[in-house]
Amino acid sequence: MVSQTREPVDQISAGRVHQFESDANRRKRVALVVFLRGVNVGGHRTFRPTILAEQLRHFDAVNIGAAGTFVIRQPVTRAQLRAELARRLPFDTEIMICQGREIVRLMSQNHFADQPVRPDIVRFVSVLAQRPRSEPSMPLSFPSSGRWLLRILGRKDRFVFGLYRRHMKVIRYLGTVDRLFGVTITTRNWNTITAIAKVLGHEGF
């Protein structure tokens, strides 16, 4: 009697695990990640991301932070998503969209190995609007001599990663990165990228 009841239970449990794994893999496969450029900065282009995420609930949108970063977990074309965002936003801004699996690939390597971990140093990723038209020799530091405030370590696909110190002049140096690569960019700290990976169900987060 025990052996007869145990097998169906095991099959059901295995099926649930398989379904969970399939759902997690599906999110990585179909999810899109939205990065809005230059919003909620210095009192310009201000909006409430949580409200926008609620307006996009039919796309199963998840808001990440206050800088205009969203994970879209329901299947939708980029054109449809851009149109919906443009309709909902109270201002014009550049909308950068990448696939969730691009973030997963980015997280698969330790791009900050051997880099200092200190309270005054921030790890960041700049998202390129498209593949770069030009590319500097890296690593690259700003200023070029003396104590660096911004250090670009490298690039992987559409993502440029580096470090900056908590200093007022850093914003000016970050503003030059798009010219180095010949395309517009938007920058997020590494904690934001990690939070995106968690929503996507990336292993280890």
Protein backbone atom coordinates (compact mmCIF):
# COMPACT_ATOMS: atom_id res chain seq x y z
CA MET A 1 0.00 0.00 0.00
CA VAL A 2 2.77 2.43 0.89
CA SER A 3 4.70 1.74 -2.28
CA GLN A 4 1.57 2.34 -4.36
CA THR A 5 0.89 5.79 -2.90
CA ARG A 6 4.50 6.98 -2.82
CA GLU A 7 5.09 6.86 -6.56
CA PRO A 8 2.28 9.30 -7.58
CA VAL A 9 3.38 11.74 -4.85
CA ASP A 10 6.95 11.63 -6.13
CA GLN A 11 5.70 12.20 -9.66
CA ILE A 12 3.65 15.20 -8.59
CA SER A 13 6.57 16.68 -6.64
CA ALA A 14 8.90 16.19 -9.57
CA GLY A 15 6.34 17.80 -11.82
CA ARG A 16 6.12 20.86 -9.57
CA VAL A 17 9.90 21.23 -9.50
CA HIS A 18 10.01 20.87 -13.27
CA GLN A 19 7.27 23.48 -13.63
CA PHE A 20 9.15 25.91 -11.33
CA GLU A 21 12.36 25.45 -13.30
CA SER A 22 10.48 25.91 -16.56
CA ASP A 23 8.88 29.14 -15.30
CA ALA A 24 12.26 30.51 -14.18
CA ASN A 25 13.86 29.65 -17.50
CA ARG A 26 10.89 31.16 -19.33
CA ARG A 27 11.30 34.46 -17.48
CA LYS A 28 14.93 34.65 -18.52
CA ARG A 29 14.01 33.82 -22.11
CA VAL A 30 11.10 36.21 -22.68
CA ALA A 31 11.77 39.02 -20.18
CA LEU A 32 12.80 42.46 -21.35
CA VAL A 33 14.64 45.02 -19.25
CA VAL A 34 13.93 48.74 -19.71
CA PHE A 35 16.41 51.50 -18.89
CA LEU A 36 15.15 55.09 -19.16
CA ARG A 37 17.82 57.70 -19.74
CA GLY A 38 18.20 60.83 -17.61
CA VAL A 39 15.06 60.62 -15.48
CA ASN A 40 14.61 61.71 -11.85
CA VAL A 41 17.98 63.47 -11.94
CA GLY A 42 18.43 66.96 -10.51
CA GLY A 43 14.71 67.69 -10.54
CA HIS A 44 14.37 67.08 -14.29
CA ARG A 45 12.08 64.56 -16.00
CA THR A 46 10.62 63.53 -12.68
CA PHE A 47 8.02 60.81 -12.33
CA ARG A 48 7.06 57.99 -9.97
CA PRO A 49 8.34 54.67 -11.32
CA THR A 50 6.06 52.67 -9.03
CA ILE A 51 3.01 54.26 -10.66
CA LEU A 52 4.34 53.49 -14.14
CA ALA A 53 4.96 49.87 -13.12
CA GLU A 54 1.36 49.66 -11.93
CA GLN A 55 0.17 51.08 -15.26
CA LEU A 56 2.22 48.37 -16.99
CA ARG A 57 0.89 45.54 -14.82
CA HIS A 58 -0.59 43.85 -17.93
CA PHE A 59 3.05 43.31 -18.94
CA ASP A 60 3.88 41.99 -15.43
CA ALA A 61 6.26 44.93 -14.93
CA VAL A 62 8.57 45.12 -11.91
CA ASN A 63 10.11 48.45 -10.91
CA ILE A 64 13.75 48.51 -9.79
CA GLY A 65 14.76 51.64 -7.86
CA ALA A 66 14.05 55.26 -8.80
CA ALA A 67 16.17 55.75 -11.94
CA GLY A 68 13.68 54.33 -14.43
CA THR A 69 14.53 50.62 -14.57
CA PHE A 70 11.89 47.96 -15.18
CA VAL A 71 11.75 44.22 -15.77
CA ILE A 72 8.94 43.21 -18.14
CA ARG A 73 8.08 39.56 -17.56
CA GLN A 74 5.24 39.03 -20.01
CA PRO A 75 5.97 38.49 -23.73
CA VAL A 76 5.73 41.74 -25.69
CA THR A 77 7.52 43.12 -28.72
CA ARG A 78 9.99 45.94 -28.25
CA ALA A 79 7.94 48.15 -30.55
CA GLN A 80 4.79 47.60 -28.48
CA LEU A 81 6.67 48.25 -25.26
CA ARG A 82 8.26 51.46 -26.56
CA ALA A 83 4.89 52.73 -27.73
CA GLU A 84 3.29 51.99 -24.37
CA LEU A 85 6.11 53.68 -22.45
CA ALA A 86 6.02 56.74 -24.69
CA ARG A 87 2.26 57.02 -24.14
CA ARG A 88 2.53 56.71 -20.37
CA LEU A 89 5.56 58.93 -19.69
CA PRO A 90 4.88 62.66 -19.16
CA PHE A 91 8.06 63.63 -21.06
CA ASP A 92 10.28 62.50 -23.91
CA THR A 93 13.31 60.41 -23.04
CA GLU A 94 15.46 57.76 -24.62
CA ILE A 95 14.26 54.24 -23.92
CA MET A 96 16.84 51.45 -23.93
CA ILE A 97 15.63 47.86 -23.96
CA CYS A 98 17.63 44.67 -23.63
CA GLN A 99 16.72 41.04 -23.18
CA GLY A 100 16.73 39.50 -19.74
CA ARG A 101 19.19 36.85 -20.86
CA GLU A 102 21.67 39.62 -21.71
CA ILE A 103 21.67 40.57 -18.02
CA VAL A 104 22.10 36.91 -17.07
CA ARG A 105 25.12 36.66 -19.38
CA LEU A 106 26.55 39.83 -17.87
CA MET A 107 26.23 38.36 -14.38
CA SER A 108 27.90 35.10 -15.40
CA GLN A 109 31.37 36.64 -15.09
CA ASN A 110 33.07 38.60 -12.32
CA HIS A 111 33.89 41.86 -14.08
CA PHE A 112 35.15 43.44 -10.87
CA ALA A 113 37.69 40.81 -9.85
CA ASP A 114 40.64 42.27 -7.92
CA GLN A 115 38.93 45.68 -7.75
CA PRO A 116 38.77 47.53 -4.41
CA VAL A 117 35.67 47.19 -2.25
CA ARG A 118 35.32 50.43 -0.30
CA PRO A 119 32.44 52.64 0.84
CA ASP A 120 33.61 55.54 -1.36
CA ILE A 121 33.86 53.46 -4.55
CA VAL A 122 30.77 52.52 -6.59
CA ARG A 123 30.61 49.74 -9.16
CA PHE A 124 28.54 50.68 -12.19
CA VAL A 125 27.30 49.48 -15.56
CA SER A 126 26.54 51.80 -18.47
CA VAL A 127 24.02 50.47 -20.99
CA LEU A 128 24.72 51.39 -24.61
CA ALA A 129 21.77 52.31 -26.81
CA GLN A 130 23.27 50.10 -29.52
CA ARG A 131 26.56 48.50 -30.43
CA PRO A 132 29.38 51.07 -30.12
CA ARG A 133 30.61 52.97 -33.16
CA SER A 134 34.01 53.41 -31.53
CA GLU A 135 35.82 51.98 -28.54
CA PRO A 136 38.72 53.32 -26.48
CA SER A 137 41.57 51.25 -25.16
CA MET A 138 40.61 49.95 -21.72
CA PRO A 139 41.06 50.14 -18.78
CA LEU A 140 40.76 53.90 -18.88
CA SER A 141 40.92 56.37 -15.97
CA PHE A 142 39.64 59.93 -15.49
CA PRO A 143 41.47 62.12 -14.87
CA SER A 144 44.33 60.53 -16.78
CA SER A 145 46.85 61.46 -14.09
CA GLY A 146 46.68 61.65 -10.32
CA ARG A 147 43.90 60.15 -8.24
CA TRP A 148 41.27 58.64 -10.52
CA LEU A 149 37.60 59.49 -10.06
CA LEU A 150 36.20 57.30 -12.85
CA ARG A 151 37.71 54.09 -14.17
CA ILE A 152 36.29 52.20 -17.15
CA LEU A 153 37.33 48.56 -16.90
CA GLY A 154 35.88 47.02 -20.04
CA ARG A 155 32.87 46.21 -22.19
CA LYS A 156 30.73 43.12 -22.73
CA ASP A 157 28.25 43.40 -25.58
CA ARG A 158 26.09 46.49 -24.84
CA PHE A 159 27.39 46.92 -21.29
CA VAL A 160 30.34 49.02 -20.15
CA PHE A 161 31.44 48.37 -16.57
CA GLY A 162 33.64 50.35 -14.25
CA LEU A 163 34.12 52.15 -10.95
CA TYR A 164 33.68 55.69 -9.75
CA ARG A 165 34.41 57.52 -6.52
CA ARG A 166 31.72 59.42 -4.65
CA HIS A 167 32.77 62.87 -5.84
CA MET A 168 30.94 65.83 -7.39
CA LYS A 169 33.13 65.81 -10.51
CA VAL A 170 32.18 62.23 -11.41
CA ILE A 171 28.98 63.32 -13.17
CA ARG A 172 31.01 65.37 -15.63
CA TYR A 173 33.29 62.43 -16.39
CA LEU A 174 30.36 60.04 -16.79
CA GLY A 175 28.95 62.48 -19.32
CA THR A 176 31.93 61.80 -21.60
CA VAL A 177 31.43 58.03 -21.82
CA ASP A 178 28.87 58.24 -24.63
CA ARG A 179 31.33 60.20 -26.77
CA LEU A 180 33.99 57.54 -26.20
CA PHE A 181 31.73 54.83 -27.61
CA GLY A 182 29.87 56.94 -30.16
CA VAL A 183 26.39 56.11 -28.84
CA THR A 184 24.17 57.32 -26.02
CA ILE A 185 24.30 55.53 -22.68
CA THR A 186 22.53 55.37 -19.36
CA THR A 187 24.27 54.30 -16.16
CA ARG A 188 23.15 52.15 -13.21
CA ASN A 189 25.05 51.00 -10.15
CA TRP A 190 25.87 47.33 -9.76
CA ASN A 191 23.25 46.90 -7.02
CA THR A 192 20.56 47.71 -9.58
CA ILE A 193 21.91 45.10 -12.00
CA THR A 194 21.96 42.55 -9.17
CA ALA A 195 18.34 43.40 -8.32
CA ILE A 196 17.35 42.84 -11.96
CA ALA A 197 19.04 39.43 -11.88
CA LYS A 198 17.06 38.50 -8.76
CA VAL A 199 13.77 39.33 -10.48
CA LEU A 200 14.84 37.24 -13.45
CA GLY A 201 15.51 34.32 -11.11
CA HIS A 202 19.22 34.15 -11.90
CA GLU A 203 20.89 31.41 -9.86
CA GLY A 204 22.86 32.63 -6.87
CA PHE A 205 20.62 35.65 -6.15
